[in-house]
Amino acid sequence: MNDRMPLSQDELLDIVDEQDRVVDQVRRGEATARRLRHRCTFILVRDARERIFVHRRTDRKLVFPSRYDMFVGGVVGAGESYDEAALREAEEELGVTGLAAPAPLFRFLYESPEHTWWSAVYEVRCELPVRPQVEEVAWWEFLPEEEVVARLGEWDWVPDGLEAYRRLREFRD
């Protein structure tokens, strides 16, 4: 494999319609190239001090490389449930095992000119020592929520994560 190729192009994904019903299955690279709607998870991770896990994605990510994110997560594989994907993605990205199942909060349809996916938002507490996946995470830190909010206008964030965070704040109010 070319070591500069984006990651995860060959994952098989369920393609879904506007009501989140499966209508097809294709490889992730094709889904991205053709703007086919699929499923994603967003997991807000807090530590014992209520700080939020924030990271910058590696430059090899297929979507939104080198941008900051306040969620871990990713695509839901073909035949996988949102709940299964949320736990798998959180453990993979954080580099932990034995994480509690993330708590589901809500779902929304994310759409931009380039991308569209059904998004399931979760929350989980992680008191385990994290060892983020170096293929996915270029930098990370647990930050107080006030600092995350202060950085919203300063850092180059993933747009879907910003939308999920905006909706999460509304959900809590």
C-alpha atoms as a PDB file:
ATOM      1  CA  MET A   1       0.000   0.000   0.000  1.00  0.00           C
ATOM      2  CA  ASN A   2       1.163   3.522  -0.742  1.00  0.00           C
ATOM      3  CA  ASP A   3       1.890   4.981   2.707  1.00  0.00           C
ATOM      4  CA  ARG A   4       0.417   8.357   1.684  1.00  0.00           C
ATOM      5  CA  MET A   5      -2.932   6.927   0.577  1.00  0.00           C
ATOM      6  CA  PRO A   6      -5.917   7.996   2.690  1.00  0.00           C
ATOM      7  CA  LEU A   7      -7.007   5.464   5.278  1.00  0.00           C
ATOM      8  CA  SER A   8     -10.142   3.295   5.189  1.00  0.00           C
ATOM      9  CA  GLN A   9     -11.081   3.560   1.497  1.00  0.00           C
ATOM     10  CA  ASP A  10     -11.984  -0.122   1.244  1.00  0.00           C
ATOM     11  CA  GLU A  11     -14.390  -0.439   4.180  1.00  0.00           C
ATOM     12  CA  LEU A  12     -17.793  -1.710   3.062  1.00  0.00           C
ATOM     13  CA  LEU A  13     -20.603   0.657   4.130  1.00  0.00           C
ATOM     14  CA  ASP A  14     -24.389   0.543   4.139  1.00  0.00           C
ATOM     15  CA  ILE A  15     -25.825   3.294   1.939  1.00  0.00           C
ATOM     16  CA  VAL A  16     -29.036   4.725   3.400  1.00  0.00           C
ATOM     17  CA  ASP A  17     -31.912   6.927   2.275  1.00  0.00           C
ATOM     18  CA  GLU A  18     -33.383  10.054   3.897  1.00  0.00           C
ATOM     19  CA  GLN A  19     -35.142   7.885   6.510  1.00  0.00           C
ATOM     20  CA  ASP A  20     -31.923   5.977   7.357  1.00  0.00           C
ATOM     21  CA  ARG A  21     -33.053   2.774   5.611  1.00  0.00           C
ATOM     22  CA  VAL A  22     -30.368   0.647   3.915  1.00  0.00           C
ATOM     23  CA  VAL A  23     -30.620   0.799   0.116  1.00  0.00           C
ATOM     24  CA  ASP A  24     -27.184  -0.446  -1.028  1.00  0.00           C
ATOM     25  CA  GLN A  25     -23.644  -1.329   0.047  1.00  0.00           C
ATOM     26  CA  VAL A  26     -20.461   0.176  -1.423  1.00  0.00           C
ATOM     27  CA  ARG A  27     -16.822   0.756  -0.478  1.00  0.00           C
ATOM     28  CA  ARG A  28     -16.095   3.871   1.563  1.00  0.00           C
ATOM     29  CA  GLY A  29     -13.958   5.496  -1.153  1.00  0.00           C
ATOM     30  CA  GLU A  30     -16.815   5.186  -3.643  1.00  0.00           C
ATOM     31  CA  ALA A  31     -19.365   6.462  -1.107  1.00  0.00           C
ATOM     32  CA  THR A  32     -17.207   9.533  -0.499  1.00  0.00           C
ATOM     33  CA  ALA A  33     -16.440  10.156  -4.180  1.00  0.00           C
ATOM     34  CA  ARG A  34     -20.110   9.851  -5.198  1.00  0.00           C
ATOM     35  CA  ARG A  35     -21.556  11.627  -2.099  1.00  0.00           C
ATOM     36  CA  LEU A  36     -23.623   8.585  -1.117  1.00  0.00           C
ATOM     37  CA  ARG A  37     -25.409   8.857   2.220  1.00  0.00           C
ATOM     38  CA  HIS A  38     -24.100   6.465   4.885  1.00  0.00           C
ATOM     39  CA  ARG A  39     -23.931   6.257   8.693  1.00  0.00           C
ATOM     40  CA  CYS A  40     -21.477   7.761  11.198  1.00  0.00           C
ATOM     41  CA  THR A  41     -21.027   7.908  14.954  1.00  0.00           C
ATOM     42  CA  PHE A  42     -19.893  10.860  17.073  1.00  0.00           C
ATOM     43  CA  ILE A  43     -18.803  10.088  20.637  1.00  0.00           C
ATOM     44  CA  LEU A  44     -18.061  12.900  23.097  1.00  0.00           C
ATOM     45  CA  VAL A  45     -15.503  11.519  25.547  1.00  0.00           C
ATOM     46  CA  ARG A  46     -15.043  13.024  29.003  1.00  0.00           C
ATOM     47  CA  ASP A  47     -12.447  12.112  31.599  1.00  0.00           C
ATOM     48  CA  ALA A  48     -12.955  11.904  35.392  1.00  0.00           C
ATOM     49  CA  ARG A  49     -12.514  15.706  35.616  1.00  0.00           C
ATOM     50  CA  GLU A  50     -15.262  16.297  32.976  1.00  0.00           C
ATOM     51  CA  ARG A  51     -12.725  17.477  30.387  1.00  0.00           C
ATOM     52  CA  ILE A  52     -13.439  16.690  26.727  1.00  0.00           C
ATOM     53  CA  PHE A  53     -11.094  14.619  24.581  1.00  0.00           C
ATOM     54  CA  VAL A  54     -10.060  16.866  21.653  1.00  0.00           C
ATOM     55  CA  HIS A  55      -7.757  15.792  18.859  1.00  0.00           C
ATOM     56  CA  ARG A  56      -6.357  16.780  15.482  1.00  0.00           C
ATOM     57  CA  ARG A  57      -6.840  14.220  12.754  1.00  0.00           C
ATOM     58  CA  THR A  58      -3.859  12.937  10.790  1.00  0.00           C
ATOM     59  CA  ASP A  59      -3.183  14.230   7.277  1.00  0.00           C
ATOM     60  CA  ARG A  60      -3.983  10.763   5.892  1.00  0.00           C
ATOM     61  CA  LYS A  61      -7.654  10.755   6.865  1.00  0.00           C
ATOM     62  CA  LEU A  62     -10.001  10.291   3.902  1.00  0.00           C
ATOM     63  CA  VAL A  63     -12.366  13.021   5.110  1.00  0.00           C
ATOM     64  CA  PHE A  64     -11.336  16.286   6.831  1.00  0.00           C
ATOM     65  CA  PRO A  65      -7.593  15.533   7.172  1.00  0.00           C
ATOM     66  CA  SER A  66      -5.551  17.587   9.677  1.00  0.00           C
ATOM     67  CA  ARG A  67      -8.605  19.204  11.275  1.00  0.00           C
ATOM     68  CA  TYR A  68      -9.563  19.336  14.945  1.00  0.00           C
ATOM     69  CA  ASP A  69     -12.454  17.344  16.400  1.00  0.00           C
ATOM     70  CA  MET A  70     -14.142  17.203  19.811  1.00  0.00           C
ATOM     71  CA  PHE A  71     -15.617  13.783  19.032  1.00  0.00           C
ATOM     72  CA  VAL A  72     -14.140  10.385  18.348  1.00  0.00           C
ATOM     73  CA  GLY A  73     -16.049   8.126  16.022  1.00  0.00           C
ATOM     74  CA  GLY A  74     -16.387   7.325  12.391  1.00  0.00           C
ATOM     75  CA  VAL A  75     -18.304   5.375   9.823  1.00  0.00           C
ATOM     76  CA  VAL A  76     -20.645   2.533  10.668  1.00  0.00           C
ATOM     77  CA  GLY A  77     -19.623  -0.602   8.795  1.00  0.00           C
ATOM     78  CA  ALA A  78     -22.003  -2.606   6.613  1.00  0.00           C
ATOM     79  CA  GLY A  79     -24.357  -4.606   8.842  1.00  0.00           C
ATOM     80  CA  GLU A  80     -23.035  -2.939  12.015  1.00  0.00           C
ATOM     81  CA  SER A  81     -25.359  -1.123  14.445  1.00  0.00           C
ATOM     82  CA  TYR A  82     -24.741   2.444  15.548  1.00  0.00           C
ATOM     83  CA  ASP A  83     -24.146   1.205  19.117  1.00  0.00           C
ATOM     84  CA  GLU A  84     -21.589  -1.404  17.986  1.00  0.00           C
ATOM     85  CA  ALA A  85     -19.787   1.153  15.833  1.00  0.00           C
ATOM     86  CA  ALA A  86     -19.739   3.749  18.644  1.00  0.00           C
ATOM     87  CA  LEU A  87     -18.007   1.381  21.060  1.00  0.00           C
ATOM     88  CA  ARG A  88     -15.627   0.015  18.403  1.00  0.00           C
ATOM     89  CA  GLU A  89     -14.650   3.477  17.140  1.00  0.00           C
ATOM     90  CA  ALA A  90     -14.200   4.928  20.645  1.00  0.00           C
ATOM     91  CA  GLU A  91     -11.979   2.055  21.762  1.00  0.00           C
ATOM     92  CA  GLU A  92      -9.966   2.141  18.516  1.00  0.00           C
ATOM     93  CA  GLU A  93      -9.361   5.891  18.478  1.00  0.00           C
ATOM     94  CA  LEU A  94      -8.655   6.145  22.208  1.00  0.00           C
ATOM     95  CA  GLY A  95      -6.502   3.009  22.193  1.00  0.00           C
ATOM     96  CA  VAL A  96      -8.370   1.394  25.098  1.00  0.00           C
ATOM     97  CA  THR A  97     -10.234  -1.826  25.803  1.00  0.00           C
ATOM     98  CA  GLY A  98     -13.046  -2.331  28.281  1.00  0.00           C
ATOM     99  CA  LEU A  99     -14.661   1.059  27.741  1.00  0.00           C
ATOM    100  CA  ALA A 100     -18.267   1.301  28.909  1.00  0.00           C
ATOM    101  CA  ALA A 101     -20.837   1.352  26.142  1.00  0.00           C
ATOM    102  CA  PRO A 102     -21.315   4.950  24.967  1.00  0.00           C
ATOM    103  CA  ALA A 103     -24.752   6.358  25.836  1.00  0.00           C
ATOM    104  CA  PRO A 104     -26.848   7.249  22.773  1.00  0.00           C
ATOM    105  CA  LEU A 105     -28.196  10.815  22.802  1.00  0.00           C
ATOM    106  CA  PHE A 106     -29.763  11.657  19.423  1.00  0.00           C
ATOM    107  CA  ARG A 107     -29.415  11.318  15.646  1.00  0.00           C
ATOM    108  CA  PHE A 108     -29.408  13.874  12.861  1.00  0.00           C
ATOM    109  CA  LEU A 109     -28.862  14.026   9.127  1.00  0.00           C
ATOM    110  CA  TYR A 110     -25.647  15.876   8.237  1.00  0.00           C
ATOM    111  CA  GLU A 111     -25.573  17.332   4.732  1.00  0.00           C
ATOM    112  CA  SER A 112     -23.082  19.578   2.979  1.00  0.00           C
ATOM    113  CA  PRO A 113     -22.318  20.041  -0.720  1.00  0.00           C
ATOM    114  CA  GLU A 114     -19.571  17.387  -0.411  1.00  0.00           C
ATOM    115  CA  HIS A 115     -20.927  14.926   2.183  1.00  0.00           C
ATOM    116  CA  THR A 116     -24.086  13.415   3.632  1.00  0.00           C
ATOM    117  CA  TRP A 117     -24.518  10.942   6.492  1.00  0.00           C
ATOM    118  CA  TRP A 118     -26.865   9.970   9.259  1.00  0.00           C
ATOM    119  CA  SER A 119     -25.109  10.862  12.483  1.00  0.00           C
ATOM    120  CA  ALA A 120     -25.627   9.172  15.864  1.00  0.00           C
ATOM    121  CA  VAL A 121     -24.296  11.232  18.771  1.00  0.00           C
ATOM    122  CA  TYR A 122     -23.102   9.516  21.967  1.00  0.00           C
ATOM    123  CA  GLU A 123     -21.365  10.367  25.212  1.00  0.00           C
ATOM    124  CA  VAL A 124     -19.006   8.256  27.329  1.00  0.00           C
ATOM    125  CA  ARG A 125     -16.710   8.670  30.323  1.00  0.00           C
ATOM    126  CA  CYS A 126     -13.199   7.320  29.913  1.00  0.00           C
ATOM    127  CA  GLU A 127     -11.098   6.984  33.056  1.00  0.00           C
ATOM    128  CA  LEU A 128      -8.703   4.536  31.385  1.00  0.00           C
ATOM    129  CA  PRO A 129      -5.248   5.677  30.243  1.00  0.00           C
ATOM    130  CA  VAL A 130      -5.646   6.558  26.569  1.00  0.00           C
ATOM    131  CA  ARG A 131      -3.190   5.684  23.814  1.00  0.00           C
ATOM    132  CA  PRO A 132      -4.771   7.273  20.734  1.00  0.00           C
ATOM    133  CA  GLN A 133      -4.354   5.493  17.424  1.00  0.00           C
ATOM    134  CA  VAL A 134      -1.402   7.159  15.670  1.00  0.00           C
ATOM    135  CA  GLU A 135      -2.885   6.442  12.230  1.00  0.00           C
ATOM    136  CA  GLU A 136      -5.942   8.523  13.144  1.00  0.00           C
ATOM    137  CA  VAL A 137      -4.815  11.035  15.784  1.00  0.00           C
ATOM    138  CA  ALA A 138      -1.931  13.480  15.223  1.00  0.00           C
ATOM    139  CA  TRP A 139      -2.397  15.404  18.524  1.00  0.00           C
ATOM    140  CA  TRP A 140      -4.743  15.087  21.494  1.00  0.00           C
ATOM    141  CA  GLU A 141      -5.560  16.525  24.899  1.00  0.00           C
ATOM    142  CA  PHE A 142      -8.396  16.500  27.421  1.00  0.00           C
ATOM    143  CA  LEU A 143      -9.618  20.118  27.580  1.00  0.00           C
ATOM    144  CA  PRO A 144     -12.138  21.854  29.857  1.00  0.00           C
ATOM    145  CA  GLU A 145     -15.342  22.552  27.946  1.00  0.00           C
ATOM    146  CA  GLU A 146     -14.815  26.315  28.396  1.00  0.00           C
ATOM    147  CA  GLU A 147     -11.549  26.012  26.474  1.00  0.00           C
ATOM    148  CA  VAL A 148     -13.202  23.971  23.726  1.00  0.00           C
ATOM    149  CA  VAL A 149     -15.826  26.695  23.353  1.00  0.00           C
ATOM    150  CA  ALA A 150     -13.116  29.390  23.313  1.00  0.00           C
ATOM    151  CA  ARG A 151     -11.286  27.531  20.504  1.00  0.00           C
ATOM    152  CA  LEU A 152     -14.352  27.112  18.268  1.00  0.00           C
ATOM    153  CA  GLY A 153     -13.555  30.269  16.309  1.00  0.00           C
ATOM    154  CA  GLU A 154      -9.790  29.809  16.376  1.00  0.00           C
ATOM    155  CA  TRP A 155      -9.040  26.241  15.274  1.00  0.00           C
ATOM    156  CA  ASP A 156      -9.877  24.541  11.973  1.00  0.00           C
ATOM    157  CA  TRP A 157     -12.582  22.094  13.132  1.00  0.00           C
ATOM    158  CA  VAL A 158     -14.277  19.319  11.182  1.00  0.00           C
ATOM    159  CA  PRO A 159     -17.600  20.796  10.010  1.00  0.00           C
ATOM    160  CA  ASP A 160     -19.694  17.748  10.890  1.00  0.00           C
ATOM    161  CA  GLY A 161     -18.257  17.745  14.419  1.00  0.00           C
ATOM    162  CA  LEU A 162     -19.076  21.433  14.798  1.00  0.00           C
ATOM    163  CA  GLU A 163     -22.657  20.708  13.743  1.00  0.00           C
ATOM    164  CA  ALA A 164     -22.897  17.740  16.125  1.00  0.00           C
ATOM    165  CA  TYR A 165     -21.507  19.865  18.973  1.00  0.00           C
ATOM    166  CA  ARG A 166     -23.951  22.705  18.234  1.00  0.00           C
ATOM    167  CA  ARG A 167     -26.841  20.218  18.308  1.00  0.00           C
ATOM    168  CA  LEU A 168     -25.514  18.609  21.484  1.00  0.00           C
ATOM    169  CA  ARG A 169     -25.472  21.967  23.249  1.00  0.00           C
ATOM    170  CA  GLU A 170     -29.071  22.605  22.096  1.00  0.00           C
ATOM    171  CA  PHE A 171     -30.037  19.075  23.212  1.00  0.00           C
ATOM    172  CA  ARG A 172     -28.723  19.823  26.708  1.00  0.00           C
ATOM    173  CA  ASP A 173     -30.474  23.214  27.027  1.00  0.00           C
END
